[in-house]
Structure formats: structure tokens, C-alpha cells
Amino acid sequence: MENKQINNPTRSELITDFVKSNPEYYIKEFQKIGSKPSFSFSFNLYAGILGPIWFGMRNIWNWALAFLIIETFSVVQIIRGLFGNITKDAVEKIKQSNLQLHLEINSLKQLLLIIQIKSMFISEILNL
């Protein structure tokens, strides 16, 4: 009789062996899911709230990384939605600095051109 149990472990034993941590919760959830022939809604609150941390705790690193990237992007978008474009002032200052720099470069080019013209004029006067 004992040999028969070793070859055919119960569903609870299989779940306990597979899950390792908190098997009682998963036994209850799998029984709820398996008891209906149709779709059975289930939601893990901690997985929903903690996302990547929960996946990391379960050693599901591929999913943890994917959800970390998605949630980081989502948080950035939410912050931008709540506070607007917080870099708007910095971008405006950069644009003004670039405009000022271009004006100064053009002024220097004009000054260089004037110096060249005057030097040519002086060299012609000296050659006469």
C-alpha cells in the first residue's frame, strides 16, 4: 500500500513539491481553479502590487526584469501626467543658450571678416 502512494503522490503533495513556499495558499487556489469546468478568476494581490519584486522572490527573473521596465516606464508617464513636463524650463534655457551661442559665433565671424578686409586694405596702402 505504501509503495502505491510513492508512485502516485496526491495533488497536494505535487503542489507542495512544486511551490516550495506557502504551499497552503497555492493548494487552496489550485483547488478553487480546478473545481470549476469553466474559467475561474483568481488574483494574487501581492503579485499585482509588488510586481517585479514578487517575480524576483519567486526566482522568475525574466518576468521580473520585463515588469520592472514596464513599471518604470509607467511611473515616469504618471509623474509626467501629474506634474507636466518638469524639464520644460531646462530645455528652454538650452535653446536660449544655443541661440546666444549662434549669435556670438556670427558676431565673431563678422569681426574676423572686418579684420581681414582692414588688413588687406592696409597691405595695399603699404605696397603703393
N, C-alpha and C. Protein backbone atom coordinates (compact mmCIF):
# COMPACT_ATOMS: atom_id res chain seq x y z
N MET A 1 0.81 -1.19 0.00
CA MET A 1 0.00 0.00 0.00
C MET A 1 0.87 1.27 0.00
N GLU A 2 1.96 1.26 0.77
CA GLU A 2 2.85 2.42 0.84
C GLU A 2 3.56 2.62 -0.50
N ASN A 3 3.89 1.55 -1.18
CA ASN A 3 4.54 1.62 -2.49
C ASN A 3 3.62 2.30 -3.50
N LYS A 4 2.33 2.11 -3.39
CA LYS A 4 1.35 2.72 -4.29
C LYS A 4 1.32 4.24 -4.09
N GLN A 5 1.46 4.73 -2.84
CA GLN A 5 1.45 6.16 -2.57
C GLN A 5 2.72 6.83 -3.11
N ILE A 6 3.84 6.17 -3.08
CA ILE A 6 5.08 6.75 -3.60
C ILE A 6 4.96 6.95 -5.11
N ASN A 7 4.38 6.01 -5.80
CA ASN A 7 4.23 6.11 -7.24
C ASN A 7 3.15 7.10 -7.65
N ASN A 8 2.14 7.28 -6.82
CA ASN A 8 1.03 8.18 -7.13
C ASN A 8 0.86 9.22 -6.02
N PRO A 9 1.68 10.27 -6.03
CA PRO A 9 1.52 11.28 -4.98
C PRO A 9 0.22 12.06 -5.18
N THR A 10 -0.30 12.56 -4.10
CA THR A 10 -1.56 13.31 -4.18
C THR A 10 -1.30 14.67 -4.83
N ARG A 11 -2.41 15.29 -5.22
CA ARG A 11 -2.31 16.62 -5.84
C ARG A 11 -1.68 17.62 -4.89
N SER A 12 -2.03 17.54 -3.61
CA SER A 12 -1.46 18.44 -2.60
C SER A 12 0.04 18.24 -2.46
N GLU A 13 0.50 16.99 -2.51
CA GLU A 13 1.93 16.72 -2.42
C GLU A 13 2.67 17.25 -3.65
N LEU A 14 2.06 17.10 -4.81
CA LEU A 14 2.69 17.63 -6.02
C LEU A 14 2.80 19.15 -5.97
N ILE A 15 1.74 19.80 -5.51
CA ILE A 15 1.76 21.27 -5.41
C ILE A 15 2.79 21.70 -4.38
N THR A 16 2.84 21.03 -3.24
CA THR A 16 3.82 21.36 -2.20
C THR A 16 5.24 21.19 -2.72
N ASP A 17 5.48 20.14 -3.47
CA ASP A 17 6.81 19.89 -4.03
C ASP A 17 7.18 20.95 -5.08
N PHE A 18 6.20 21.39 -5.85
CA PHE A 18 6.45 22.36 -6.91
C PHE A 18 6.62 23.78 -6.37
N VAL A 19 5.78 24.17 -5.43
CA VAL A 19 5.73 25.56 -4.98
C VAL A 19 6.82 25.88 -3.97
N LYS A 20 7.12 25.02 -3.07
CA LYS A 20 8.11 25.16 -2.01
C LYS A 20 7.69 26.15 -0.92
N SER A 21 7.34 27.39 -1.26
CA SER A 21 6.99 28.37 -0.21
C SER A 21 5.49 28.65 -0.23
N ASN A 22 4.91 28.69 0.94
CA ASN A 22 3.48 28.94 1.16
C ASN A 22 2.60 27.98 0.35
N PRO A 23 2.79 26.67 0.50
CA PRO A 23 2.02 25.73 -0.32
C PRO A 23 0.53 25.70 0.03
N GLU A 24 0.16 26.05 1.26
CA GLU A 24 -1.25 26.02 1.64
C GLU A 24 -2.08 26.99 0.78
N TYR A 25 -1.52 28.17 0.55
CA TYR A 25 -2.22 29.16 -0.28
C TYR A 25 -2.43 28.62 -1.69
N TYR A 26 -1.40 28.03 -2.25
CA TYR A 26 -1.49 27.55 -3.63
C TYR A 26 -2.36 26.30 -3.75
N ILE A 27 -2.35 25.46 -2.73
CA ILE A 27 -3.25 24.28 -2.74
C ILE A 27 -4.69 24.77 -2.78
N LYS A 28 -5.01 25.77 -1.94
CA LYS A 28 -6.37 26.32 -1.91
C LYS A 28 -6.73 26.95 -3.26
N GLU A 29 -5.79 27.72 -3.84
CA GLU A 29 -6.06 28.39 -5.11
C GLU A 29 -6.23 27.38 -6.25
N PHE A 30 -5.36 26.37 -6.30
CA PHE A 30 -5.47 25.36 -7.36
C PHE A 30 -6.74 24.53 -7.21
N GLN A 31 -7.17 24.27 -5.98
CA GLN A 31 -8.44 23.57 -5.78
C GLN A 31 -9.61 24.41 -6.27
N LYS A 32 -9.56 25.72 -6.00
CA LYS A 32 -10.62 26.62 -6.45
C LYS A 32 -10.65 26.66 -7.99
N ILE A 33 -9.48 26.73 -8.61
CA ILE A 33 -9.41 26.79 -10.08
C ILE A 33 -9.85 25.46 -10.70
N GLY A 34 -9.40 24.36 -10.09
CA GLY A 34 -9.71 23.05 -10.66
C GLY A 34 -11.12 22.56 -10.41
N SER A 35 -11.83 23.19 -9.49
CA SER A 35 -13.17 22.70 -9.16
C SER A 35 -14.23 23.12 -10.18
N LYS A 36 -13.93 24.12 -11.00
CA LYS A 36 -14.89 24.60 -11.99
C LYS A 36 -14.48 24.14 -13.39
N PRO A 37 -15.45 23.74 -14.19
CA PRO A 37 -15.10 23.35 -15.56
C PRO A 37 -14.88 24.58 -16.46
N SER A 38 -15.38 25.74 -16.02
CA SER A 38 -15.21 26.96 -16.82
C SER A 38 -14.11 27.83 -16.19
N PHE A 39 -13.98 29.04 -16.69
CA PHE A 39 -12.96 29.97 -16.22
C PHE A 39 -13.22 30.35 -14.77
N SER A 40 -12.16 30.35 -14.00
CA SER A 40 -12.25 30.75 -12.59
C SER A 40 -11.28 31.90 -12.37
N PHE A 41 -11.82 33.05 -12.00
CA PHE A 41 -10.99 34.24 -11.80
C PHE A 41 -10.19 34.09 -10.52
N SER A 42 -8.90 34.41 -10.61
CA SER A 42 -8.06 34.46 -9.41
C SER A 42 -7.10 35.63 -9.57
N PHE A 43 -6.77 36.24 -8.46
CA PHE A 43 -5.89 37.39 -8.48
C PHE A 43 -5.00 37.34 -7.26
N ASN A 44 -3.70 37.43 -7.47
CA ASN A 44 -2.74 37.47 -6.38
C ASN A 44 -2.45 38.94 -6.09
N LEU A 45 -2.92 39.42 -4.97
CA LEU A 45 -2.80 40.83 -4.61
C LEU A 45 -1.34 41.26 -4.53
N TYR A 46 -0.50 40.46 -3.90
CA TYR A 46 0.90 40.83 -3.74
C TYR A 46 1.62 40.86 -5.09
N ALA A 47 1.30 39.94 -5.96
CA ALA A 47 1.89 39.97 -7.30
C ALA A 47 1.43 41.20 -8.06
N GLY A 48 0.19 41.59 -7.86
CA GLY A 48 -0.34 42.77 -8.54
C GLY A 48 0.28 44.06 -8.02
N ILE A 49 0.50 44.14 -6.72
CA ILE A 49 1.04 45.37 -6.13
C ILE A 49 2.56 45.43 -6.27
N LEU A 50 3.23 44.37 -5.94
CA LEU A 50 4.69 44.38 -5.92
C LEU A 50 5.32 44.06 -7.27
N GLY A 51 4.61 43.37 -8.13
CA GLY A 51 5.08 43.10 -9.49
C GLY A 51 6.46 42.49 -9.57
N PRO A 52 7.46 43.26 -10.00
CA PRO A 52 8.81 42.72 -10.20
C PRO A 52 9.43 42.14 -8.93
N ILE A 53 9.11 42.73 -7.78
CA ILE A 53 9.65 42.20 -6.52
C ILE A 53 9.10 40.80 -6.27
N TRP A 54 7.82 40.62 -6.53
CA TRP A 54 7.20 39.32 -6.33
C TRP A 54 7.81 38.28 -7.27
N PHE A 55 7.98 38.67 -8.55
CA PHE A 55 8.60 37.75 -9.50
C PHE A 55 10.03 37.41 -9.08
N GLY A 56 10.76 38.40 -8.58
CA GLY A 56 12.13 38.14 -8.12
C GLY A 56 12.16 37.21 -6.93
N MET A 57 11.20 37.38 -6.01
CA MET A 57 11.14 36.49 -4.85
C MET A 57 10.82 35.06 -5.26
N ARG A 58 10.14 34.92 -6.38
CA ARG A 58 9.79 33.58 -6.88
C ARG A 58 10.84 33.05 -7.86
N ASN A 59 11.95 33.77 -8.02
CA ASN A 59 13.03 33.40 -8.94
C ASN A 59 12.57 33.31 -10.39
N ILE A 60 11.68 34.20 -10.76
CA ILE A 60 11.23 34.29 -12.15
C ILE A 60 11.84 35.58 -12.70
N TRP A 61 13.15 35.57 -12.92
CA TRP A 61 13.90 36.79 -13.22
C TRP A 61 13.55 37.39 -14.57
N ASN A 62 13.22 36.57 -15.57
CA ASN A 62 12.86 37.13 -16.87
C ASN A 62 11.62 38.01 -16.76
N TRP A 63 10.63 37.54 -16.05
CA TRP A 63 9.41 38.31 -15.86
C TRP A 63 9.68 39.51 -14.96
N ALA A 64 10.53 39.33 -13.95
CA ALA A 64 10.84 40.44 -13.04
C ALA A 64 11.46 41.59 -13.82
N LEU A 65 12.40 41.30 -14.70
CA LEU A 65 13.05 42.35 -15.49
C LEU A 65 12.07 43.00 -16.45
N ALA A 66 11.26 42.21 -17.11
CA ALA A 66 10.29 42.76 -18.06
C ALA A 66 9.31 43.69 -17.35
N PHE A 67 8.77 43.25 -16.21
CA PHE A 67 7.81 44.09 -15.50
C PHE A 67 8.47 45.29 -14.83
N LEU A 68 9.74 45.17 -14.46
CA LEU A 68 10.46 46.32 -13.91
C LEU A 68 10.57 47.42 -14.97
N ILE A 69 10.90 47.05 -16.19
CA ILE A 69 11.00 48.03 -17.28
C ILE A 69 9.63 48.65 -17.56
N ILE A 70 8.61 47.81 -17.65
CA ILE A 70 7.26 48.31 -17.93
C ILE A 70 6.78 49.24 -16.81
N GLU A 71 6.98 48.85 -15.56
CA GLU A 71 6.51 49.66 -14.45
C GLU A 71 7.31 50.95 -14.32
N THR A 72 8.60 50.92 -14.61
CA THR A 72 9.40 52.14 -14.59
C THR A 72 8.88 53.13 -15.63
N PHE A 73 8.61 52.64 -16.84
CA PHE A 73 8.06 53.49 -17.89
C PHE A 73 6.70 54.05 -17.46
N SER A 74 5.88 53.22 -16.83
CA SER A 74 4.56 53.66 -16.38
C SER A 74 4.65 54.73 -15.31
N VAL A 75 5.55 54.55 -14.36
CA VAL A 75 5.71 55.54 -13.29
C VAL A 75 6.18 56.88 -13.86
N VAL A 76 7.10 56.83 -14.81
CA VAL A 76 7.58 58.06 -15.44
C VAL A 76 6.42 58.77 -16.15
N GLN A 77 5.59 58.02 -16.85
CA GLN A 77 4.46 58.62 -17.56
C GLN A 77 3.43 59.21 -16.57
N ILE A 78 3.21 58.53 -15.47
CA ILE A 78 2.28 59.03 -14.46
C ILE A 78 2.81 60.33 -13.85
N ILE A 79 4.09 60.37 -13.54
CA ILE A 79 4.70 61.58 -12.98
C ILE A 79 4.62 62.73 -13.97
N ARG A 80 4.88 62.43 -15.25
CA ARG A 80 4.77 63.47 -16.27
C ARG A 80 3.33 63.96 -16.39
N GLY A 81 2.38 63.06 -16.24
CA GLY A 81 0.99 63.46 -16.30
C GLY A 81 0.56 64.31 -15.12
N LEU A 82 1.09 63.99 -13.94
CA LEU A 82 0.72 64.74 -12.74
C LEU A 82 1.41 66.10 -12.66
N PHE A 83 2.67 66.15 -13.00
CA PHE A 83 3.46 67.36 -12.81
C PHE A 83 3.79 68.08 -14.11
N GLY A 84 3.33 67.56 -15.22
CA GLY A 84 3.65 68.19 -16.50
C GLY A 84 5.09 67.87 -16.90
N ASN A 85 5.57 68.61 -17.87
CA ASN A 85 6.94 68.40 -18.33
C ASN A 85 7.88 69.16 -17.41
N ILE A 86 8.47 68.45 -16.45
CA ILE A 86 9.31 69.09 -15.45
C ILE A 86 10.64 69.56 -16.03
N THR A 87 10.99 69.15 -17.23
CA THR A 87 12.23 69.58 -17.85
C THR A 87 12.01 70.73 -18.83
N LYS A 88 10.81 71.28 -18.86
CA LYS A 88 10.48 72.34 -19.82
C LYS A 88 11.40 73.55 -19.64
N ASP A 89 11.62 73.98 -18.39
CA ASP A 89 12.48 75.14 -18.15
C ASP A 89 13.92 74.88 -18.59
N ALA A 90 14.42 73.69 -18.29
CA ALA A 90 15.79 73.35 -18.68
C ALA A 90 15.94 73.33 -20.19
N VAL A 91 14.96 72.78 -20.90
CA VAL A 91 15.01 72.74 -22.36
C VAL A 91 14.97 74.16 -22.92
N GLU A 92 14.16 75.02 -22.33
CA GLU A 92 14.08 76.41 -22.80
C GLU A 92 15.41 77.14 -22.59
N LYS A 93 16.05 76.90 -21.45
CA LYS A 93 17.36 77.52 -21.19
C LYS A 93 18.40 77.03 -22.19
N ILE A 94 18.35 75.75 -22.52
CA ILE A 94 19.30 75.21 -23.50
C ILE A 94 19.07 75.85 -24.86
N LYS A 95 17.82 76.01 -25.24
CA LYS A 95 17.52 76.66 -26.52
C LYS A 95 18.02 78.10 -26.53
N GLN A 96 17.81 78.84 -25.44
CA GLN A 96 18.29 80.20 -25.36
C GLN A 96 19.81 80.26 -25.41
N SER A 97 20.46 79.32 -24.74
CA SER A 97 21.93 79.27 -24.76
C SER A 97 22.43 78.99 -26.16
N ASN A 98 21.78 78.08 -26.86
CA ASN A 98 22.18 77.78 -28.24
C ASN A 98 22.00 78.99 -29.14
N LEU A 99 20.90 79.71 -28.97
CA LEU A 99 20.65 80.91 -29.77
C LEU A 99 21.72 81.96 -29.47
N GLN A 100 22.03 82.16 -28.21
CA GLN A 100 23.07 83.12 -27.82
C GLN A 100 24.42 82.71 -28.39
N LEU A 101 24.72 81.43 -28.34
CA LEU A 101 25.99 80.93 -28.88
C LEU A 101 26.07 81.18 -30.38
N HIS A 102 24.99 80.92 -31.11
CA HIS A 102 24.99 81.16 -32.56
C HIS A 102 25.15 82.64 -32.88
N LEU A 103 24.52 83.51 -32.08
CA LEU A 103 24.68 84.95 -32.29
C LEU A 103 26.13 85.38 -32.07
N GLU A 104 26.75 84.85 -31.02
CA GLU A 104 28.15 85.19 -30.74
C GLU A 104 29.07 84.65 -31.83
N ILE A 105 28.81 83.47 -32.33
CA ILE A 105 29.63 82.91 -33.42
C ILE A 105 29.50 83.78 -34.66
N ASN A 106 28.27 84.20 -34.98
CA ASN A 106 28.08 85.07 -36.14
C ASN A 106 28.80 86.41 -35.95
N SER A 107 28.76 86.97 -34.74
CA SER A 107 29.45 88.22 -34.46
C SER A 107 30.96 88.05 -34.63
N LEU A 108 31.48 86.93 -34.15
CA LEU A 108 32.92 86.67 -34.30
C LEU A 108 33.30 86.49 -35.77
N LYS A 109 32.45 85.85 -36.54
CA LYS A 109 32.72 85.69 -37.97
C LYS A 109 32.75 87.06 -38.66
N GLN A 110 31.79 87.91 -38.30
CA GLN A 110 31.76 89.25 -38.89
C GLN A 110 33.01 90.04 -38.48
N LEU A 111 33.42 89.94 -37.23
CA LEU A 111 34.61 90.63 -36.76
C LEU A 111 35.85 90.14 -37.48
N LEU A 112 35.95 88.84 -37.68
CA LEU A 112 37.08 88.27 -38.41
C LEU A 112 37.10 88.76 -39.85
N LEU A 113 35.94 88.84 -40.47
CA LEU A 113 35.86 89.34 -41.84
C LEU A 113 36.29 90.80 -41.90
N ILE A 114 35.88 91.61 -40.95
CA ILE A 114 36.29 93.02 -40.91
C ILE A 114 37.80 93.13 -40.74
N ILE A 115 38.36 92.32 -39.86
CA ILE A 115 39.81 92.35 -39.64
C ILE A 115 40.54 91.97 -40.93
N GLN A 116 40.06 90.95 -41.63
CA GLN A 116 40.70 90.54 -42.88
C GLN A 116 40.62 91.64 -43.93
N ILE A 117 39.47 92.29 -44.04
CA ILE A 117 39.31 93.38 -45.02
C ILE A 117 40.24 94.53 -44.67
N LYS A 118 40.32 94.92 -43.41
CA LYS A 118 41.21 96.02 -43.00
C LYS A 118 42.66 95.66 -43.22
N SER A 119 43.04 94.42 -42.95
CA SER A 119 44.43 94.02 -43.17
C SER A 119 44.77 94.04 -44.65
N MET A 120 43.83 93.64 -45.50
CA MET A 120 44.06 93.72 -46.95
C MET A 120 44.19 95.18 -47.37
N PHE A 121 43.36 96.05 -46.82
CA PHE A 121 43.40 97.47 -47.16
C PHE A 121 44.74 98.09 -46.74
N ILE A 122 45.18 97.75 -45.53
CA ILE A 122 46.46 98.27 -45.04
C ILE A 122 47.63 97.76 -45.87
N SER A 123 47.59 96.48 -46.23
CA SER A 123 48.68 95.92 -47.06
C SER A 123 48.72 96.58 -48.44
N GLU A 124 47.57 96.95 -49.01
CA GLU A 124 47.54 97.64 -50.29
C GLU A 124 48.11 99.04 -50.16
N ILE A 125 47.81 99.71 -49.07
CA ILE A 125 48.33 101.07 -48.86
C ILE A 125 49.83 101.02 -48.72
N LEU A 126 50.33 100.01 -47.99
CA LEU A 126 51.77 99.91 -47.79
C LEU A 126 52.50 99.52 -49.08
N ASN A 127 51.87 98.84 -49.97
CA ASN A 127 52.50 98.41 -51.22
C ASN A 127 52.53 99.55 -52.23
N LEU A 128 51.80 100.58 -52.07
CA LEU A 128 51.78 101.70 -53.02
C LEU A 128 53.02 102.45 -52.88
